[in-house]
Every structure is written in C-alpha cells, then in structure tokens.
Amino acid sequence: MLPELWQVGLVASAVITVSFAAIAIRLVLDLTRTEQWSGNPLGVATMLIFLTCAASHGVRTVQLLGPVLGVGGLPGLASHVEYNWAHMVVLDLLTASAGAWYWTMRRRYPTLARGASLFEDLRSRNRQALAVHDNIVQGLSRTKLALEAEQDELGEEALEETLEEAKTMITELIDEEGTEGTLRREDD
C-alpha cells in the first residue's frame, strides 16, 4: 500500500527540519569559533536562512503529526489537505534532497567545508592583503622612487627583491591551500 501524499510530505518536512537545523548549528559553531559574528554578515545571514527554514518546517512537521496523535486540531487537518497537492510534496522532496546532498558534499569535500571556509575567512583575507601591501606595493614604490632619482642600480635591486618576495608569497599561499602545482591560468 502506498503512503498518502501528506505522509510523504511529513517525512520530507522532517528531513528538511533536521538537515537545515544541523546546517544552521554548524554555521553558528563556525561563526563562533572564528569570531566572525560581527565581521561576516553574509555568514550570519546564511545561518539565519537555514535556521528560519528549519523552524518553519519544524512547525509544519508538528502540524502534520498533530491529527495522527489526536492533537493539533484545524491547523493539522489543513496541513493534511495542503499536502493533497502533489506540487507541495514534490517541492518538499526537492528541498529535503538539497539538505541531504549538502551533508554528503561536506563529507566528500572536508577541506572545503572545514571551519568557516563555507564562507571566506575574512581575517585571513585581510592578513594576505596587508602582506601584499607591505611586501609588494612598498617594494614597487621603492623601485619607482629609485628609478625616478636615476639610481638605476638601486631600482633594479629593489625590483629583484620585490619579485623574489612576490614569488615567495605566492608559493606560501599555494602551499597553505594545499594546491601546490595546481595554480594554472585558464584561457578565456
């Protein structure tokens, strides 16, 4: 015997609730651990989206269970009627699949999902920008000033030092990301 549509919707809604709540909790933990609550509004907004979707489907799951348990009254019965429309069940099945797929992708690509790398670590990005400024921009400025003062030898020396510093920084960044040897420019 096939389940009724509302029963399929109940299972899908429960999966959505659990998977989206787990994603929201994971994001809360990552935001807290990396101290990005105030510096990463996109991360906070993403967490809130998952949290509110989990809450909404949690309410829906409880409403669908209500009549089965003899509680809930009219909202529960209305939810059963609402799930007589196949499009509601299909949408919830797709959403539940997306939530489950997220967790399989987290397991498959742990380095991408580790910590707050779901959204960029802003502190790391700022450190990298400061290093570029300190080591590259200042070296190029020294080169320019030396050449403008017609001190060609000093300018070439500053340029060589800056090039070496740039190569070192890129190598460190590549090694830091674990992508040594994979940095390639793609042809457009």
N, C-alpha and C. Protein backbone atom coordinates (compact mmCIF):
# COMPACT_ATOMS: atom_id res chain seq x y z
N MET A 1 0.84 -1.18 0.00
CA MET A 1 0.00 0.00 0.00
C MET A 1 0.89 1.24 0.00
N LEU A 2 0.59 2.17 -0.87
CA LEU A 2 1.36 3.41 -0.98
C LEU A 2 0.97 4.39 0.11
N PRO A 3 1.94 5.14 0.59
CA PRO A 3 1.59 6.15 1.60
C PRO A 3 0.79 7.29 0.98
N GLU A 4 0.02 7.95 1.79
CA GLU A 4 -0.71 9.12 1.32
C GLU A 4 0.29 10.25 1.11
N LEU A 5 -0.09 11.24 0.29
CA LEU A 5 0.81 12.35 -0.01
C LEU A 5 1.24 13.09 1.25
N TRP A 6 0.32 13.30 2.19
CA TRP A 6 0.69 14.02 3.40
C TRP A 6 1.74 13.27 4.20
N GLN A 7 1.74 11.93 4.12
CA GLN A 7 2.74 11.14 4.84
C GLN A 7 4.13 11.32 4.21
N VAL A 8 4.16 11.37 2.89
CA VAL A 8 5.42 11.64 2.19
C VAL A 8 5.90 13.04 2.55
N GLY A 9 4.96 13.99 2.57
CA GLY A 9 5.28 15.36 2.95
C GLY A 9 5.80 15.45 4.38
N LEU A 10 5.23 14.64 5.27
CA LEU A 10 5.68 14.61 6.67
C LEU A 10 7.14 14.18 6.75
N VAL A 11 7.47 13.12 6.07
CA VAL A 11 8.86 12.63 6.09
C VAL A 11 9.80 13.67 5.47
N ALA A 12 9.41 14.23 4.32
CA ALA A 12 10.25 15.24 3.66
C ALA A 12 10.43 16.46 4.56
N SER A 13 9.36 16.90 5.20
CA SER A 13 9.43 18.07 6.08
C SER A 13 10.31 17.79 7.30
N ALA A 14 10.25 16.58 7.82
CA ALA A 14 11.10 16.21 8.95
C ALA A 14 12.58 16.20 8.53
N VAL A 15 12.86 15.68 7.35
CA VAL A 15 14.25 15.67 6.84
C VAL A 15 14.74 17.10 6.65
N ILE A 16 13.90 17.96 6.10
CA ILE A 16 14.26 19.37 5.92
C ILE A 16 14.57 20.00 7.28
N THR A 17 13.70 19.76 8.25
CA THR A 17 13.89 20.34 9.58
C THR A 17 15.23 19.93 10.17
N VAL A 18 15.51 18.65 10.15
CA VAL A 18 16.74 18.14 10.77
C VAL A 18 17.98 18.61 10.01
N SER A 19 17.97 18.47 8.68
CA SER A 19 19.18 18.82 7.92
C SER A 19 19.44 20.32 7.95
N PHE A 20 18.39 21.14 7.82
CA PHE A 20 18.60 22.59 7.85
C PHE A 20 18.97 23.09 9.24
N ALA A 21 18.40 22.49 10.28
CA ALA A 21 18.78 22.87 11.65
C ALA A 21 20.24 22.49 11.89
N ALA A 22 20.65 21.34 11.41
CA ALA A 22 22.05 20.92 11.57
C ALA A 22 23.00 21.86 10.82
N ILE A 23 22.61 22.30 9.63
CA ILE A 23 23.43 23.26 8.88
C ILE A 23 23.53 24.57 9.66
N ALA A 24 22.40 25.05 10.18
CA ALA A 24 22.40 26.30 10.96
C ALA A 24 23.29 26.16 12.19
N ILE A 25 23.22 25.04 12.88
CA ILE A 25 24.06 24.82 14.07
C ILE A 25 25.53 24.79 13.67
N ARG A 26 25.84 24.13 12.57
CA ARG A 26 27.23 24.08 12.08
C ARG A 26 27.74 25.49 11.79
N LEU A 27 26.90 26.32 11.17
CA LEU A 27 27.29 27.69 10.87
C LEU A 27 27.47 28.52 12.14
N VAL A 28 26.59 28.32 13.12
CA VAL A 28 26.72 29.02 14.40
C VAL A 28 28.06 28.65 15.05
N LEU A 29 28.39 27.38 15.06
CA LEU A 29 29.65 26.93 15.65
C LEU A 29 30.85 27.52 14.91
N ASP A 30 30.78 27.52 13.57
CA ASP A 30 31.89 28.08 12.79
C ASP A 30 32.03 29.58 13.00
N LEU A 31 30.92 30.30 13.01
CA LEU A 31 30.97 31.75 13.25
C LEU A 31 31.52 32.06 14.64
N THR A 32 31.15 31.25 15.61
CA THR A 32 31.61 31.47 16.98
C THR A 32 33.10 31.13 17.11
N ARG A 33 33.50 29.98 16.57
CA ARG A 33 34.90 29.55 16.67
C ARG A 33 35.84 30.53 16.00
N THR A 34 35.43 31.09 14.85
CA THR A 34 36.31 32.00 14.10
C THR A 34 36.05 33.47 14.46
N GLU A 35 35.16 33.70 15.43
CA GLU A 35 34.83 35.05 15.89
C GLU A 35 34.44 35.98 14.74
N GLN A 36 33.54 35.49 13.86
CA GLN A 36 33.13 36.26 12.70
C GLN A 36 31.71 36.80 12.79
N TRP A 37 31.11 36.81 13.97
CA TRP A 37 29.74 37.28 14.10
C TRP A 37 29.57 38.71 13.60
N SER A 38 30.47 39.59 13.94
CA SER A 38 30.31 40.99 13.51
C SER A 38 30.99 41.26 12.18
N GLY A 39 31.98 40.46 11.80
CA GLY A 39 32.73 40.73 10.58
C GLY A 39 32.28 39.98 9.36
N ASN A 40 31.29 39.10 9.50
CA ASN A 40 30.86 38.29 8.36
C ASN A 40 29.33 38.29 8.27
N PRO A 41 28.76 39.41 7.80
CA PRO A 41 27.29 39.46 7.72
C PRO A 41 26.70 38.44 6.75
N LEU A 42 27.44 38.07 5.72
CA LEU A 42 26.93 37.05 4.79
C LEU A 42 26.82 35.70 5.49
N GLY A 43 27.80 35.37 6.31
CA GLY A 43 27.73 34.13 7.06
C GLY A 43 26.57 34.12 8.04
N VAL A 44 26.34 35.24 8.72
CA VAL A 44 25.23 35.34 9.67
C VAL A 44 23.89 35.22 8.93
N ALA A 45 23.78 35.92 7.80
CA ALA A 45 22.54 35.85 7.02
C ALA A 45 22.29 34.43 6.51
N THR A 46 23.34 33.75 6.08
CA THR A 46 23.19 32.37 5.60
C THR A 46 22.70 31.47 6.74
N MET A 47 23.28 31.65 7.93
CA MET A 47 22.85 30.88 9.08
C MET A 47 21.38 31.15 9.39
N LEU A 48 20.97 32.42 9.34
CA LEU A 48 19.58 32.77 9.63
C LEU A 48 18.61 32.17 8.62
N ILE A 49 19.01 32.12 7.36
CA ILE A 49 18.16 31.49 6.33
C ILE A 49 17.91 30.04 6.69
N PHE A 50 18.98 29.30 7.00
CA PHE A 50 18.82 27.88 7.34
C PHE A 50 18.04 27.71 8.63
N LEU A 51 18.29 28.56 9.61
CA LEU A 51 17.60 28.46 10.89
C LEU A 51 16.10 28.70 10.73
N THR A 52 15.71 29.75 9.99
CA THR A 52 14.28 30.04 9.83
C THR A 52 13.58 29.00 8.96
N CYS A 53 14.28 28.47 7.97
CA CYS A 53 13.67 27.38 7.17
C CYS A 53 13.47 26.14 8.02
N ALA A 54 14.45 25.84 8.88
CA ALA A 54 14.31 24.68 9.78
C ALA A 54 13.13 24.88 10.72
N ALA A 55 13.01 26.09 11.27
CA ALA A 55 11.90 26.38 12.19
C ALA A 55 10.56 26.26 11.49
N SER A 56 10.46 26.80 10.29
CA SER A 56 9.21 26.75 9.53
C SER A 56 8.80 25.31 9.24
N HIS A 57 9.76 24.52 8.80
CA HIS A 57 9.43 23.12 8.51
C HIS A 57 9.23 22.30 9.78
N GLY A 58 9.85 22.73 10.88
CA GLY A 58 9.59 22.07 12.17
C GLY A 58 8.14 22.25 12.58
N VAL A 59 7.63 23.47 12.41
CA VAL A 59 6.21 23.73 12.71
C VAL A 59 5.32 22.89 11.80
N ARG A 60 5.66 22.86 10.51
CA ARG A 60 4.86 22.09 9.55
C ARG A 60 4.87 20.60 9.92
N THR A 61 6.02 20.08 10.32
CA THR A 61 6.13 18.67 10.70
C THR A 61 5.23 18.37 11.90
N VAL A 62 5.26 19.25 12.89
CA VAL A 62 4.41 19.07 14.08
C VAL A 62 2.94 19.15 13.68
N GLN A 63 2.59 20.08 12.80
CA GLN A 63 1.19 20.20 12.35
C GLN A 63 0.74 18.93 11.64
N LEU A 64 1.61 18.37 10.79
CA LEU A 64 1.25 17.14 10.07
C LEU A 64 1.09 15.95 11.03
N LEU A 65 1.89 15.93 12.09
CA LEU A 65 1.80 14.85 13.07
C LEU A 65 0.59 15.00 14.00
N GLY A 66 0.14 16.23 14.23
CA GLY A 66 -0.94 16.51 15.18
C GLY A 66 -2.15 15.61 15.06
N PRO A 67 -2.80 15.55 13.89
CA PRO A 67 -4.00 14.71 13.78
C PRO A 67 -3.74 13.22 14.05
N VAL A 68 -2.56 12.76 13.71
CA VAL A 68 -2.21 11.35 13.96
C VAL A 68 -2.14 11.09 15.46
N LEU A 69 -1.65 12.08 16.20
CA LEU A 69 -1.50 11.94 17.65
C LEU A 69 -2.76 12.39 18.41
N GLY A 70 -3.77 12.85 17.66
CA GLY A 70 -5.02 13.28 18.28
C GLY A 70 -4.95 14.68 18.85
N VAL A 71 -3.99 15.49 18.39
CA VAL A 71 -3.88 16.88 18.84
C VAL A 71 -3.70 17.76 17.61
N GLY A 72 -3.70 19.04 17.82
CA GLY A 72 -3.38 19.96 16.71
C GLY A 72 -4.58 20.56 16.04
N GLY A 73 -5.69 19.89 16.07
CA GLY A 73 -6.92 20.43 15.53
C GLY A 73 -6.85 20.87 14.08
N LEU A 74 -7.47 22.03 13.84
CA LEU A 74 -7.65 22.55 12.48
C LEU A 74 -6.34 22.78 11.72
N PRO A 75 -5.28 23.38 12.31
CA PRO A 75 -4.04 23.57 11.54
C PRO A 75 -3.47 22.25 11.02
N GLY A 76 -3.55 21.19 11.83
CA GLY A 76 -3.05 19.89 11.39
C GLY A 76 -3.85 19.33 10.24
N LEU A 77 -5.17 19.45 10.35
CA LEU A 77 -6.02 18.96 9.26
C LEU A 77 -5.81 19.77 7.99
N ALA A 78 -5.61 21.08 8.16
CA ALA A 78 -5.35 21.94 6.99
C ALA A 78 -4.04 21.55 6.33
N SER A 79 -3.04 21.17 7.11
CA SER A 79 -1.76 20.73 6.55
C SER A 79 -1.94 19.44 5.76
N HIS A 80 -2.77 18.54 6.26
CA HIS A 80 -3.05 17.30 5.52
C HIS A 80 -3.68 17.62 4.17
N VAL A 81 -4.64 18.53 4.18
CA VAL A 81 -5.31 18.92 2.94
C VAL A 81 -4.33 19.60 2.00
N GLU A 82 -3.48 20.46 2.55
CA GLU A 82 -2.49 21.17 1.73
C GLU A 82 -1.58 20.18 1.01
N TYR A 83 -1.24 19.08 1.67
CA TYR A 83 -0.37 18.10 1.05
C TYR A 83 -1.09 17.15 0.11
N ASN A 84 -2.36 17.37 -0.10
CA ASN A 84 -3.04 16.62 -1.15
C ASN A 84 -2.64 17.15 -2.53
N TRP A 85 -2.00 18.31 -2.55
CA TRP A 85 -1.49 18.87 -3.80
C TRP A 85 -0.10 18.30 -4.02
N ALA A 86 0.10 17.60 -5.11
CA ALA A 86 1.37 16.93 -5.38
C ALA A 86 2.53 17.91 -5.44
N HIS A 87 2.28 19.14 -5.90
CA HIS A 87 3.41 20.08 -6.01
C HIS A 87 4.02 20.39 -4.65
N MET A 88 3.24 20.38 -3.58
CA MET A 88 3.78 20.62 -2.24
C MET A 88 4.74 19.50 -1.85
N VAL A 89 4.35 18.28 -2.13
CA VAL A 89 5.19 17.13 -1.80
C VAL A 89 6.47 17.15 -2.65
N VAL A 90 6.33 17.44 -3.93
CA VAL A 90 7.49 17.47 -4.83
C VAL A 90 8.48 18.54 -4.37
N LEU A 91 7.98 19.72 -4.05
CA LEU A 91 8.87 20.80 -3.58
C LEU A 91 9.58 20.40 -2.29
N ASP A 92 8.85 19.80 -1.37
CA ASP A 92 9.49 19.39 -0.11
C ASP A 92 10.48 18.26 -0.33
N LEU A 93 10.18 17.36 -1.25
CA LEU A 93 11.14 16.29 -1.56
C LEU A 93 12.42 16.87 -2.17
N LEU A 94 12.28 17.85 -3.04
CA LEU A 94 13.46 18.50 -3.63
C LEU A 94 14.26 19.24 -2.56
N THR A 95 13.57 19.94 -1.67
CA THR A 95 14.26 20.67 -0.61
C THR A 95 14.95 19.71 0.36
N ALA A 96 14.29 18.62 0.71
CA ALA A 96 14.89 17.60 1.58
C ALA A 96 16.12 17.00 0.90
N SER A 97 16.03 16.76 -0.38
CA SER A 97 17.17 16.22 -1.13
C SER A 97 18.34 17.19 -1.10
N ALA A 98 18.06 18.49 -1.24
CA ALA A 98 19.12 19.50 -1.19
C ALA A 98 19.81 19.50 0.18
N GLY A 99 19.03 19.39 1.24
CA GLY A 99 19.61 19.35 2.59
C GLY A 99 20.47 18.11 2.81
N ALA A 100 19.98 16.97 2.35
CA ALA A 100 20.75 15.73 2.48
C ALA A 100 22.00 15.78 1.59
N TRP A 101 21.86 16.33 0.41
CA TRP A 101 23.00 16.43 -0.52
C TRP A 101 24.10 17.30 0.08
N TYR A 102 23.73 18.39 0.75
CA TYR A 102 24.71 19.25 1.41
C TYR A 102 25.60 18.44 2.34
N TRP A 103 24.99 17.57 3.16
CA TRP A 103 25.79 16.80 4.11
C TRP A 103 26.66 15.77 3.42
N THR A 104 26.21 15.20 2.32
CA THR A 104 27.09 14.27 1.59
C THR A 104 28.26 15.03 0.97
N MET A 105 28.02 16.27 0.52
CA MET A 105 29.10 17.08 -0.05
C MET A 105 30.10 17.49 1.03
N ARG A 106 29.62 17.77 2.21
CA ARG A 106 30.54 18.12 3.32
C ARG A 106 31.46 16.97 3.62
N ARG A 107 30.94 15.76 3.56
CA ARG A 107 31.78 14.60 3.82
C ARG A 107 32.74 14.33 2.66
N ARG A 108 32.28 14.58 1.46
CA ARG A 108 33.09 14.32 0.27
C ARG A 108 34.21 15.35 0.11
N TYR A 109 33.98 16.58 0.51
CA TYR A 109 34.96 17.66 0.37
C TYR A 109 35.24 18.29 1.73
N PRO A 110 35.85 17.56 2.65
CA PRO A 110 36.03 18.08 4.01
C PRO A 110 36.91 19.33 4.07
N THR A 111 37.90 19.46 3.19
CA THR A 111 38.76 20.65 3.26
C THR A 111 37.99 21.90 2.89
N LEU A 112 37.02 21.79 2.00
CA LEU A 112 36.23 22.96 1.63
C LEU A 112 35.24 23.33 2.73
N ALA A 113 34.79 22.35 3.47
CA ALA A 113 33.77 22.60 4.49
C ALA A 113 34.36 22.80 5.87
N ARG A 114 35.67 22.61 6.01
CA ARG A 114 36.29 22.74 7.33
C ARG A 114 36.18 24.18 7.83
N GLY A 115 35.79 24.31 9.08
CA GLY A 115 35.72 25.63 9.70
C GLY A 115 34.75 26.53 8.98
N ALA A 116 35.17 27.77 8.81
CA ALA A 116 34.30 28.78 8.20
C ALA A 116 34.59 28.93 6.72
N SER A 117 35.21 27.93 6.11
CA SER A 117 35.54 28.09 4.70
C SER A 117 34.32 27.99 3.80
N LEU A 118 33.16 27.65 4.37
CA LEU A 118 31.94 27.74 3.60
C LEU A 118 31.75 29.16 3.12
N PHE A 119 32.15 30.11 3.93
CA PHE A 119 32.26 31.50 3.53
C PHE A 119 33.66 31.93 3.94
N GLU A 120 34.26 32.76 3.16
CA GLU A 120 35.67 33.09 3.29
C GLU A 120 36.04 33.61 4.68
N ASP A 121 37.19 33.17 5.16
CA ASP A 121 37.70 33.66 6.43
C ASP A 121 38.25 35.06 6.20
N LEU A 122 37.52 36.05 6.67
CA LEU A 122 37.85 37.44 6.39
C LEU A 122 39.16 37.87 7.03
N ARG A 123 39.47 37.32 8.19
CA ARG A 123 40.73 37.68 8.83
C ARG A 123 41.91 37.22 7.99
N SER A 124 41.83 36.04 7.44
CA SER A 124 42.90 35.52 6.58
C SER A 124 43.05 36.39 5.34
N ARG A 125 41.94 36.77 4.76
CA ARG A 125 41.98 37.63 3.58
C ARG A 125 42.62 38.99 3.90
N ASN A 126 42.29 39.56 5.04
CA ASN A 126 42.88 40.84 5.44
C ASN A 126 44.38 40.70 5.68
N ARG A 127 44.80 39.60 6.31
CA ARG A 127 46.24 39.37 6.53
C ARG A 127 46.98 39.28 5.20
N GLN A 128 46.38 38.58 4.24
CA GLN A 128 47.01 38.44 2.93
C GLN A 128 47.10 39.79 2.22
N ALA A 129 46.07 40.60 2.32
CA ALA A 129 46.09 41.92 1.69
C ALA A 129 47.17 42.80 2.31
N LEU A 130 47.30 42.75 3.64
CA LEU A 130 48.35 43.53 4.30
C LEU A 130 49.74 43.05 3.90
N ALA A 131 49.90 41.75 3.76
CA ALA A 131 51.20 41.21 3.35
C ALA A 131 51.55 41.67 1.93
N VAL A 132 50.56 41.66 1.04
CA VAL A 132 50.79 42.14 -0.33
C VAL A 132 51.20 43.60 -0.29
N HIS A 133 50.49 44.38 0.51
CA HIS A 133 50.84 45.80 0.60
C HIS A 133 52.24 46.00 1.16
N ASP A 134 52.51 45.34 2.28
CA ASP A 134 53.81 45.53 2.92
C ASP A 134 54.97 45.08 2.04
N ASN A 135 54.81 43.94 1.40
CA ASN A 135 55.94 43.35 0.69
C ASN A 135 56.02 43.71 -0.79
N ILE A 136 54.90 43.84 -1.44
CA ILE A 136 54.92 44.05 -2.89
C ILE A 136 54.77 45.53 -3.23
N VAL A 137 53.73 46.14 -2.73
CA VAL A 137 53.47 47.54 -3.09
C VAL A 137 54.61 48.44 -2.61
N GLN A 138 55.07 48.21 -1.39
CA GLN A 138 56.17 49.03 -0.91
C GLN A 138 57.46 48.79 -1.70
N GLY A 139 57.70 47.55 -2.09
CA GLY A 139 58.88 47.25 -2.92
C GLY A 139 58.80 47.93 -4.27
N LEU A 140 57.62 47.93 -4.87
CA LEU A 140 57.45 48.61 -6.15
C LEU A 140 57.60 50.13 -6.00
N SER A 141 57.14 50.65 -4.87
CA SER A 141 57.30 52.08 -4.60
C SER A 141 58.78 52.44 -4.48
N ARG A 142 59.54 51.60 -3.76
CA ARG A 142 60.98 51.82 -3.65
C ARG A 142 61.64 51.80 -5.02
N THR A 143 61.21 50.85 -5.86
CA THR A 143 61.76 50.74 -7.21
C THR A 143 61.47 52.01 -8.00
N LYS A 144 60.24 52.46 -7.95
CA LYS A 144 59.84 53.65 -8.70
C LYS A 144 60.63 54.88 -8.24
N LEU A 145 60.74 55.05 -6.93
CA LEU A 145 61.47 56.21 -6.41
C LEU A 145 62.94 56.17 -6.84
N ALA A 146 63.55 55.00 -6.78
CA ALA A 146 64.95 54.88 -7.17
C ALA A 146 65.13 55.20 -8.65
N LEU A 147 64.22 54.71 -9.48
CA LEU A 147 64.32 54.97 -10.93
C LEU A 147 64.07 56.44 -11.23
N GLU A 148 63.12 57.06 -10.52
CA GLU A 148 62.86 58.48 -10.72
C GLU A 148 64.06 59.33 -10.30
N ALA A 149 64.82 58.85 -9.31
CA ALA A 149 66.01 59.57 -8.84
C ALA A 149 67.23 59.18 -9.67
N GLU A 150 66.96 58.44 -10.75
CA GLU A 150 68.01 57.98 -11.67
C GLU A 150 69.07 57.15 -10.96
N GLN A 151 68.64 56.37 -9.99
CA GLN A 151 69.51 55.43 -9.30
C GLN A 151 69.15 54.03 -9.79
N ASP A 152 69.51 53.78 -11.05
CA ASP A 152 69.10 52.56 -11.74
C ASP A 152 69.51 51.28 -11.01
N GLU A 153 70.73 51.26 -10.48
CA GLU A 153 71.20 50.06 -9.80
C GLU A 153 70.36 49.76 -8.56
N LEU A 154 70.07 50.79 -7.78
CA LEU A 154 69.23 50.65 -6.58
C LEU A 154 67.81 50.24 -6.98
N GLY A 155 67.28 50.80 -8.08
CA GLY A 155 65.95 50.47 -8.57
C GLY A 155 65.86 49.02 -9.01
N GLU A 156 66.90 48.56 -9.75
CA GLU A 156 66.90 47.16 -10.18
C GLU A 156 66.99 46.21 -8.99
N GLU A 157 67.79 46.59 -8.00
CA GLU A 157 67.92 45.77 -6.79
C GLU A 157 66.57 45.68 -6.07
N ALA A 158 65.89 46.80 -5.92
CA ALA A 158 64.57 46.81 -5.27
C ALA A 158 63.57 45.98 -6.06
N LEU A 159 63.65 46.07 -7.38
CA LEU A 159 62.74 45.29 -8.23
C LEU A 159 62.99 43.80 -8.07
N GLU A 160 64.26 43.38 -8.06
CA GLU A 160 64.60 41.97 -7.89
C GLU A 160 64.11 41.45 -6.53
N GLU A 161 64.32 42.24 -5.48
CA GLU A 161 63.85 41.85 -4.14
C GLU A 161 62.33 41.71 -4.12
N THR A 162 61.64 42.62 -4.78
CA THR A 162 60.17 42.59 -4.81
C THR A 162 59.68 41.37 -5.58
N LEU A 163 60.32 41.07 -6.70
CA LEU A 163 59.94 39.87 -7.47
C LEU A 163 60.14 38.61 -6.65
N GLU A 164 61.26 38.51 -5.95
CA GLU A 164 61.51 37.34 -5.11
C GLU A 164 60.47 37.23 -3.99
N GLU A 165 60.15 38.38 -3.39
CA GLU A 165 59.14 38.39 -2.32
C GLU A 165 57.78 37.94 -2.86
N ALA A 166 57.43 38.42 -4.05
CA ALA A 166 56.15 38.03 -4.66
C ALA A 166 56.12 36.52 -4.92
N LYS A 167 57.22 35.96 -5.45
CA LYS A 167 57.29 34.52 -5.71
C LYS A 167 57.15 33.73 -4.41
N THR A 168 57.82 34.20 -3.36
CA THR A 168 57.76 33.53 -2.06
C THR A 168 56.33 33.56 -1.51
N MET A 169 55.69 34.72 -1.60
CA MET A 169 54.32 34.84 -1.08
C MET A 169 53.37 33.91 -1.82
N ILE A 170 53.47 33.87 -3.14
CA ILE A 170 52.59 33.00 -3.93
C ILE A 170 52.83 31.54 -3.58
N THR A 171 54.10 31.15 -3.47
CA THR A 171 54.42 29.76 -3.09
C THR A 171 53.82 29.42 -1.73
N GLU A 172 53.94 30.34 -0.76
CA GLU A 172 53.38 30.10 0.57
C GLU A 172 51.87 29.99 0.53
N LEU A 173 51.23 30.86 -0.25
CA LEU A 173 49.77 30.80 -0.36
C LEU A 173 49.33 29.50 -1.01
N ILE A 174 50.04 29.07 -2.02
CA ILE A 174 49.68 27.82 -2.69
C ILE A 174 49.85 26.66 -1.73
N ASP A 175 51.00 26.61 -1.02
CA ASP A 175 51.24 25.53 -0.06
C ASP A 175 50.22 25.55 1.06
N GLU A 176 49.83 26.75 1.52
CA GLU A 176 48.86 26.91 2.60
C GLU A 176 47.51 26.33 2.21
N GLU A 177 47.14 26.47 0.96
CA GLU A 177 45.85 25.96 0.49
C GLU A 177 45.93 24.49 0.07
N GLY A 178 47.14 23.93 0.08
CA GLY A 178 47.28 22.52 -0.30
C GLY A 178 47.08 22.28 -1.78
N THR A 179 47.38 23.28 -2.58
CA THR A 179 47.16 23.15 -4.03
C THR A 179 48.47 23.30 -4.79
N GLU A 180 49.57 22.88 -4.17
CA GLU A 180 50.87 23.04 -4.79
C GLU A 180 50.87 22.42 -6.20
N GLY A 181 51.33 23.18 -7.15
CA GLY A 181 51.43 22.70 -8.51
C GLY A 181 50.14 22.76 -9.30
N THR A 182 49.07 23.28 -8.70
CA THR A 182 47.80 23.32 -9.42
C THR A 182 47.40 24.73 -9.84
N LEU A 183 48.27 25.70 -9.59
CA LEU A 183 47.95 27.06 -9.95
C LEU A 183 48.21 27.26 -11.44
N ARG A 184 47.16 27.34 -12.19
CA ARG A 184 47.29 27.50 -13.64
C ARG A 184 46.33 28.58 -14.09
N ARG A 185 46.75 29.39 -15.03
CA ARG A 185 45.88 30.41 -15.61
C ARG A 185 45.04 29.71 -16.67
N GLU A 186 43.74 29.93 -16.60
CA GLU A 186 42.85 29.34 -17.60
C GLU A 186 42.68 30.31 -18.75
N ASP A 187 42.68 29.76 -19.96
CA ASP A 187 42.45 30.59 -21.15
C ASP A 187 40.99 30.93 -21.25
N ASP A 188 40.70 32.20 -21.54
CA ASP A 188 39.30 32.61 -21.67
C ASP A 188 38.81 32.44 -23.09
